[in-house]
Each structure stands twice: as structure tokens, then as C-alpha cells.
Amino acid sequence: MPEETREEMLRVRCACGWETSGPEDTVVESTQEHGRRAHNMLATREQILEMAVDASEERPRPTT
């Protein structure tokens, strides 16, 4: 049976306490919108990806 490919899940946290997680495109769009609305700031995709972390790193690993 072929192994299912999973899209990497990312997380971004803002200094104000706001956070988002999900697939790369979703995180970038959400973070850009938050920056504009809450902080009147514009961030590039590259800037957002530099501060993003792998969301799975913060989840407990499942036991088998």
C-alpha cells in the first residue's frame, strides 16, 4: 500500500499572543493579514517562513 504524503504543518506566533498553524500557504496568508490588521505591518512570504516553526515539534509524539 503506498504511503500517504502529508503536507508540512507550520506554526507562527506573534509577540502580541496571536498564533496560527496549518499548511504553508494558509500560515503565510493568515500571518500577512494579521500583520496588516493588527500592526499595520507588511511581511514578505520569506520573512514569515523564517519565523515559522514545524508545528509537529510542539505536539507530543504518539506512542506505538
N, C-alpha and C. Protein backbone atom coordinates (compact mmCIF):
# COMPACT_ATOMS: atom_id res chain seq x y z
N MET A 1 0.84 -1.16 0.00
CA MET A 1 0.00 0.00 0.00
C MET A 1 0.90 1.24 0.00
N PRO A 2 0.64 2.22 -0.89
CA PRO A 2 1.50 3.41 -0.95
C PRO A 2 1.33 4.28 0.29
N GLU A 3 2.45 4.87 0.70
CA GLU A 3 2.41 5.74 1.87
C GLU A 3 1.80 7.08 1.49
N GLU A 4 0.91 7.58 2.32
CA GLU A 4 0.25 8.86 2.07
C GLU A 4 1.22 10.00 2.34
N THR A 5 1.29 10.96 1.42
CA THR A 5 2.15 12.12 1.59
C THR A 5 1.41 13.16 2.41
N ARG A 6 2.07 13.66 3.44
CA ARG A 6 1.46 14.67 4.30
C ARG A 6 2.14 16.01 4.06
N GLU A 7 1.34 17.05 3.98
CA GLU A 7 1.88 18.39 3.83
C GLU A 7 2.42 18.86 5.18
N GLU A 8 3.56 19.52 5.14
CA GLU A 8 4.17 20.01 6.38
C GLU A 8 3.27 21.06 7.01
N MET A 9 3.10 20.95 8.32
CA MET A 9 2.29 21.90 9.07
C MET A 9 3.24 22.86 9.79
N LEU A 10 2.96 24.15 9.63
CA LEU A 10 3.80 25.18 10.23
C LEU A 10 3.02 25.95 11.28
N ARG A 11 3.75 26.64 12.16
CA ARG A 11 3.13 27.49 13.18
C ARG A 11 3.90 28.80 13.25
N VAL A 12 3.16 29.89 13.39
CA VAL A 12 3.74 31.21 13.62
C VAL A 12 3.06 31.81 14.83
N ARG A 13 3.88 32.36 15.73
CA ARG A 13 3.37 33.07 16.90
C ARG A 13 3.85 34.51 16.85
N CYS A 14 2.95 35.41 17.10
CA CYS A 14 3.26 36.85 17.13
C CYS A 14 3.58 37.25 18.57
N ALA A 15 4.36 38.29 18.73
CA ALA A 15 4.70 38.79 20.06
C ALA A 15 3.45 39.23 20.83
N CYS A 16 2.37 39.56 20.13
CA CYS A 16 1.14 40.01 20.79
C CYS A 16 0.31 38.84 21.34
N GLY A 17 0.72 37.61 21.04
CA GLY A 17 0.00 36.44 21.53
C GLY A 17 -0.82 35.72 20.47
N TRP A 18 -1.04 36.35 19.33
CA TRP A 18 -1.78 35.71 18.23
C TRP A 18 -0.94 34.59 17.65
N GLU A 19 -1.58 33.53 17.20
CA GLU A 19 -0.85 32.46 16.52
C GLU A 19 -1.73 31.80 15.48
N THR A 20 -1.06 31.16 14.54
CA THR A 20 -1.75 30.40 13.50
C THR A 20 -0.92 29.18 13.17
N SER A 21 -1.59 28.16 12.69
CA SER A 21 -0.87 26.96 12.24
C SER A 21 -1.64 26.33 11.10
N GLY A 22 -0.93 25.57 10.30
CA GLY A 22 -1.54 24.90 9.16
C GLY A 22 -0.54 24.73 8.04
N PRO A 23 -1.05 24.45 6.84
CA PRO A 23 -0.16 24.32 5.68
C PRO A 23 0.52 25.67 5.37
N GLU A 24 1.64 25.61 4.68
CA GLU A 24 2.45 26.80 4.41
C GLU A 24 1.64 27.97 3.85
N ASP A 25 0.87 27.75 2.80
CA ASP A 25 0.13 28.85 2.17
C ASP A 25 -0.86 29.49 3.15
N THR A 26 -1.53 28.68 3.94
CA THR A 26 -2.50 29.18 4.90
C THR A 26 -1.82 30.02 5.97
N VAL A 27 -0.69 29.55 6.47
CA VAL A 27 0.04 30.28 7.51
C VAL A 27 0.55 31.61 6.97
N VAL A 28 1.08 31.61 5.77
CA VAL A 28 1.59 32.85 5.18
C VAL A 28 0.46 33.87 5.02
N GLU A 29 -0.65 33.44 4.44
CA GLU A 29 -1.78 34.35 4.22
C GLU A 29 -2.34 34.88 5.54
N SER A 30 -2.51 34.00 6.51
CA SER A 30 -3.05 34.41 7.82
C SER A 30 -2.12 35.39 8.52
N THR A 31 -0.83 35.12 8.47
CA THR A 31 0.14 35.98 9.13
C THR A 31 0.21 37.35 8.46
N GLN A 32 0.17 37.37 7.13
CA GLN A 32 0.18 38.65 6.43
C GLN A 32 -1.06 39.47 6.78
N GLU A 33 -2.22 38.82 6.83
CA GLU A 33 -3.45 39.53 7.19
C GLU A 33 -3.38 40.05 8.62
N HIS A 34 -2.91 39.23 9.55
CA HIS A 34 -2.78 39.66 10.94
C HIS A 34 -1.84 40.86 11.05
N GLY A 35 -0.72 40.81 10.38
CA GLY A 35 0.23 41.91 10.43
C GLY A 35 -0.37 43.22 9.94
N ARG A 36 -1.11 43.13 8.83
CA ARG A 36 -1.75 44.34 8.28
C ARG A 36 -2.80 44.89 9.23
N ARG A 37 -3.68 44.00 9.71
CA ARG A 37 -4.81 44.45 10.52
C ARG A 37 -4.40 44.89 11.92
N ALA A 38 -3.58 44.11 12.58
CA ALA A 38 -3.27 44.37 13.99
C ALA A 38 -2.08 45.31 14.20
N HIS A 39 -1.13 45.30 13.26
CA HIS A 39 0.11 46.03 13.49
C HIS A 39 0.49 47.00 12.36
N ASN A 40 -0.35 47.09 11.35
CA ASN A 40 -0.07 47.95 10.19
C ASN A 40 1.33 47.66 9.63
N MET A 41 1.65 46.35 9.51
CA MET A 41 2.95 45.91 9.02
C MET A 41 2.76 44.99 7.83
N LEU A 42 3.70 45.03 6.92
CA LEU A 42 3.69 44.12 5.78
C LEU A 42 4.89 43.18 5.90
N ALA A 43 4.64 41.90 5.81
CA ALA A 43 5.72 40.91 5.86
C ALA A 43 5.73 40.13 4.56
N THR A 44 6.92 39.81 4.08
CA THR A 44 7.03 39.01 2.87
C THR A 44 6.85 37.53 3.23
N ARG A 45 6.60 36.73 2.22
CA ARG A 45 6.49 35.28 2.41
C ARG A 45 7.78 34.76 3.06
N GLU A 46 8.91 35.23 2.57
CA GLU A 46 10.20 34.77 3.07
C GLU A 46 10.39 35.12 4.55
N GLN A 47 9.99 36.32 4.94
CA GLN A 47 10.10 36.73 6.35
C GLN A 47 9.24 35.84 7.24
N ILE A 48 8.06 35.53 6.78
CA ILE A 48 7.15 34.69 7.57
C ILE A 48 7.71 33.28 7.68
N LEU A 49 8.21 32.74 6.59
CA LEU A 49 8.75 31.38 6.63
C LEU A 49 10.00 31.29 7.51
N GLU A 50 10.74 32.39 7.63
CA GLU A 50 11.91 32.40 8.52
C GLU A 50 11.52 32.29 9.98
N MET A 51 10.36 32.83 10.35
CA MET A 51 9.94 32.76 11.75
C MET A 51 9.01 31.59 12.03
N ALA A 52 8.59 30.89 11.01
CA ALA A 52 7.70 29.74 11.19
C ALA A 52 8.49 28.54 11.74
N VAL A 53 7.80 27.74 12.53
CA VAL A 53 8.39 26.50 13.05
C VAL A 53 7.52 25.33 12.62
N ASP A 54 8.10 24.16 12.65
CA ASP A 54 7.35 22.95 12.36
C ASP A 54 6.35 22.73 13.48
N ALA A 55 5.08 22.76 13.16
CA ALA A 55 4.03 22.63 14.18
C ALA A 55 4.10 21.29 14.90
N SER A 56 4.60 20.28 14.25
CA SER A 56 4.65 18.96 14.88
C SER A 56 5.69 18.89 16.00
N GLU A 57 6.64 19.80 16.03
CA GLU A 57 7.66 19.80 17.08
C GLU A 57 7.07 20.08 18.45
N GLU A 58 5.93 20.75 18.48
CA GLU A 58 5.33 21.11 19.75
C GLU A 58 4.26 20.12 20.20
N ARG A 59 3.97 19.17 19.40
CA ARG A 59 2.98 18.16 19.76
C ARG A 59 3.68 16.95 20.37
N PRO A 60 3.07 16.33 21.33
CA PRO A 60 3.66 15.10 21.86
C PRO A 60 3.68 14.04 20.77
N ARG A 61 4.73 13.27 20.76
CA ARG A 61 4.82 12.18 19.78
C ARG A 61 3.87 11.05 20.18
N PRO A 62 3.15 10.49 19.20
CA PRO A 62 2.26 9.39 19.55
C PRO A 62 3.05 8.16 19.95
N THR A 63 2.54 7.41 20.90
CA THR A 63 3.21 6.17 21.31
C THR A 63 2.65 5.03 20.48
N THR A 64 3.52 4.07 20.17
CA THR A 64 3.07 2.93 19.37
C THR A 64 3.07 1.66 20.17
